[in-house]
Amino acid sequence: MPNVDVNKILVVLVFLAVLVCIQIVLKRSSFVRSNLGKPVHWPLKVTNTLSLSKFATVSVIECAEQSFLVVAGRSGSPAIIELKGAIQDTISPNPRVELND
């Protein structure tokens, strides 16, 4: 068995004890409970989805009164872009394509 220094074990145990004490104090504190105890619910709403190809899709998602454009493909991470107010007004939930002759 390798040489284990008792001081190192003691330092780790004291550190863990301090962390546990801080957690207990924070859980019992009325200040933390009153200020941080209120849950914030912002539901996500998918406004529109469009398939760009066999593996890529684009979606408009609303959250907390903001809209985001999410482009997701088969490989790589999705791209997320915040839509500003002027762009949001031009997006309709039922897109139609008009062909001119």
C-alpha atoms as a PDB file:
ATOM      1  CA  MET A   1       0.000   0.000   0.000  1.00  0.00           C
ATOM      2  CA  PRO A   2       1.435   3.415  -0.889  1.00  0.00           C
ATOM      3  CA  ASN A   3       2.356   5.878   1.822  1.00  0.00           C
ATOM      4  CA  VAL A   4      -0.729   7.904   2.668  1.00  0.00           C
ATOM      5  CA  ASP A   5      -0.156  11.110   4.528  1.00  0.00           C
ATOM      6  CA  VAL A   6      -2.725  11.581   7.287  1.00  0.00           C
ATOM      7  CA  ASN A   7      -2.553  15.352   6.854  1.00  0.00           C
ATOM      8  CA  LYS A   8      -3.834  15.102   3.273  1.00  0.00           C
ATOM      9  CA  ILE A   9      -6.802  12.997   4.331  1.00  0.00           C
ATOM     10  CA  LEU A  10      -7.520  15.403   7.173  1.00  0.00           C
ATOM     11  CA  VAL A  11      -7.473  18.422   4.826  1.00  0.00           C
ATOM     12  CA  VAL A  12      -9.940  16.715   2.458  1.00  0.00           C
ATOM     13  CA  LEU A  13     -12.284  15.770   5.304  1.00  0.00           C
ATOM     14  CA  VAL A  14     -12.223  19.307   6.747  1.00  0.00           C
ATOM     15  CA  PHE A  15     -12.932  20.744   3.298  1.00  0.00           C
ATOM     16  CA  LEU A  16     -15.906  18.415   2.814  1.00  0.00           C
ATOM     17  CA  ALA A  17     -17.229  19.275   6.281  1.00  0.00           C
ATOM     18  CA  VAL A  18     -17.060  22.994   5.476  1.00  0.00           C
ATOM     19  CA  LEU A  19     -18.967  22.435   2.223  1.00  0.00           C
ATOM     20  CA  VAL A  20     -21.681  20.452   4.013  1.00  0.00           C
ATOM     21  CA  CYS A  21     -22.019  23.174   6.669  1.00  0.00           C
ATOM     22  CA  ILE A  22     -22.366  25.872   4.002  1.00  0.00           C
ATOM     23  CA  GLN A  23     -25.048  23.830   2.252  1.00  0.00           C
ATOM     24  CA  ILE A  24     -27.021  23.377   5.488  1.00  0.00           C
ATOM     25  CA  VAL A  25     -26.815  27.094   6.297  1.00  0.00           C
ATOM     26  CA  LEU A  26     -28.001  28.046   2.798  1.00  0.00           C
ATOM     27  CA  LYS A  27     -30.913  25.618   2.884  1.00  0.00           C
ATOM     28  CA  ARG A  28     -32.116  26.910   6.250  1.00  0.00           C
ATOM     29  CA  SER A  29     -31.596  30.587   5.465  1.00  0.00           C
ATOM     30  CA  SER A  30     -34.871  32.471   5.002  1.00  0.00           C
ATOM     31  CA  PHE A  31     -33.148  35.077   2.792  1.00  0.00           C
ATOM     32  CA  VAL A  32     -32.090  32.499   0.236  1.00  0.00           C
ATOM     33  CA  ARG A  33     -35.437  30.728   0.397  1.00  0.00           C
ATOM     34  CA  SER A  34     -37.435  33.923  -0.181  1.00  0.00           C
ATOM     35  CA  ASN A  35     -35.278  35.299  -3.008  1.00  0.00           C
ATOM     36  CA  LEU A  36     -34.244  32.170  -4.875  1.00  0.00           C
ATOM     37  CA  GLY A  37     -37.109  29.857  -4.052  1.00  0.00           C
ATOM     38  CA  LYS A  38     -39.465  31.213  -6.708  1.00  0.00           C
ATOM     39  CA  PRO A  39     -39.413  29.002  -9.787  1.00  0.00           C
ATOM     40  CA  VAL A  40     -39.313  30.692 -13.163  1.00  0.00           C
ATOM     41  CA  HIS A  41     -41.323  28.944 -15.860  1.00  0.00           C
ATOM     42  CA  TRP A  42     -40.742  29.946 -19.458  1.00  0.00           C
ATOM     43  CA  PRO A  43     -42.432  27.417 -21.680  1.00  0.00           C
ATOM     44  CA  LEU A  44     -40.847  26.642 -25.021  1.00  0.00           C
ATOM     45  CA  LYS A  45     -43.215  26.846 -27.967  1.00  0.00           C
ATOM     46  CA  VAL A  46     -42.319  25.579 -31.437  1.00  0.00           C
ATOM     47  CA  THR A  47     -43.957  28.096 -33.746  1.00  0.00           C
ATOM     48  CA  ASN A  48     -42.931  26.688 -37.116  1.00  0.00           C
ATOM     49  CA  THR A  49     -40.820  23.829 -38.494  1.00  0.00           C
ATOM     50  CA  LEU A  50     -39.550  23.336 -42.032  1.00  0.00           C
ATOM     51  CA  SER A  51     -37.501  20.497 -43.537  1.00  0.00           C
ATOM     52  CA  LEU A  52     -34.596  21.863 -45.542  1.00  0.00           C
ATOM     53  CA  SER A  53     -33.353  18.479 -46.718  1.00  0.00           C
ATOM     54  CA  LYS A  54     -33.531  14.839 -45.742  1.00  0.00           C
ATOM     55  CA  PHE A  55     -31.438  15.460 -42.631  1.00  0.00           C
ATOM     56  CA  ALA A  56     -31.709  19.215 -41.928  1.00  0.00           C
ATOM     57  CA  THR A  57     -34.582  21.127 -40.360  1.00  0.00           C
ATOM     58  CA  VAL A  58     -35.190  24.707 -39.353  1.00  0.00           C
ATOM     59  CA  SER A  59     -37.526  25.670 -36.509  1.00  0.00           C
ATOM     60  CA  VAL A  60     -38.784  28.896 -34.966  1.00  0.00           C
ATOM     61  CA  ILE A  61     -38.979  28.569 -31.177  1.00  0.00           C
ATOM     62  CA  GLU A  62     -40.502  31.096 -28.761  1.00  0.00           C
ATOM     63  CA  CYS A  63     -39.330  31.409 -25.178  1.00  0.00           C
ATOM     64  CA  ALA A  64     -39.832  34.287 -22.720  1.00  0.00           C
ATOM     65  CA  GLU A  65     -41.371  36.524 -25.410  1.00  0.00           C
ATOM     66  CA  GLN A  66     -38.341  36.077 -27.677  1.00  0.00           C
ATOM     67  CA  SER A  67     -38.062  34.067 -30.870  1.00  0.00           C
ATOM     68  CA  PHE A  68     -35.127  31.958 -31.993  1.00  0.00           C
ATOM     69  CA  LEU A  69     -34.319  30.316 -35.304  1.00  0.00           C
ATOM     70  CA  VAL A  70     -32.806  26.848 -34.808  1.00  0.00           C
ATOM     71  CA  VAL A  71     -31.149  25.075 -37.738  1.00  0.00           C
ATOM     72  CA  ALA A  72     -30.295  21.455 -36.991  1.00  0.00           C
ATOM     73  CA  GLY A  73     -28.573  18.924 -39.204  1.00  0.00           C
ATOM     74  CA  ARG A  74     -27.510  15.327 -38.923  1.00  0.00           C
ATOM     75  CA  SER A  75     -23.922  16.132 -38.021  1.00  0.00           C
ATOM     76  CA  GLY A  76     -22.581  19.001 -36.000  1.00  0.00           C
ATOM     77  CA  SER A  77     -24.244  21.160 -33.431  1.00  0.00           C
ATOM     78  CA  PRO A  78     -27.395  23.159 -34.196  1.00  0.00           C
ATOM     79  CA  ALA A  79     -27.156  26.852 -35.015  1.00  0.00           C
ATOM     80  CA  ILE A  80     -29.317  29.153 -32.899  1.00  0.00           C
ATOM     81  CA  ILE A  81     -30.070  32.727 -33.977  1.00  0.00           C
ATOM     82  CA  GLU A  82     -32.184  35.224 -32.062  1.00  0.00           C
ATOM     83  CA  LEU A  83     -34.872  36.802 -34.209  1.00  0.00           C
ATOM     84  CA  LYS A  84     -35.407  40.524 -33.727  1.00  0.00           C
ATOM     85  CA  GLY A  85     -38.828  42.264 -33.654  1.00  0.00           C
ATOM     86  CA  ALA A  86     -39.002  43.232 -37.335  1.00  0.00           C
ATOM     87  CA  ILE A  87     -38.154  39.720 -38.488  1.00  0.00           C
ATOM     88  CA  GLN A  88     -40.639  38.134 -36.093  1.00  0.00           C
ATOM     89  CA  ASP A  89     -43.553  40.030 -37.661  1.00  0.00           C
ATOM     90  CA  THR A  90     -42.838  38.626 -41.126  1.00  0.00           C
ATOM     91  CA  ILE A  91     -42.891  34.976 -40.032  1.00  0.00           C
ATOM     92  CA  SER A  92     -46.314  33.432 -40.401  1.00  0.00           C
ATOM     93  CA  PRO A  93     -47.355  30.165 -38.767  1.00  0.00           C
ATOM     94  CA  ASN A  94     -48.724  28.871 -42.111  1.00  0.00           C
ATOM     95  CA  PRO A  95     -46.156  29.587 -44.833  1.00  0.00           C
ATOM     96  CA  ARG A  96     -47.403  29.558 -48.434  1.00  0.00           C
ATOM     97  CA  VAL A  97     -45.343  29.516 -51.583  1.00  0.00           C
ATOM     98  CA  GLU A  98     -46.634  31.547 -54.503  1.00  0.00           C
ATOM     99  CA  LEU A  99     -45.422  30.820 -57.998  1.00  0.00           C
ATOM    100  CA  ASN A 100     -45.652  33.524 -60.622  1.00  0.00           C
ATOM    101  CA  ASP A 101     -46.083  32.509 -64.272  1.00  0.00           C
END
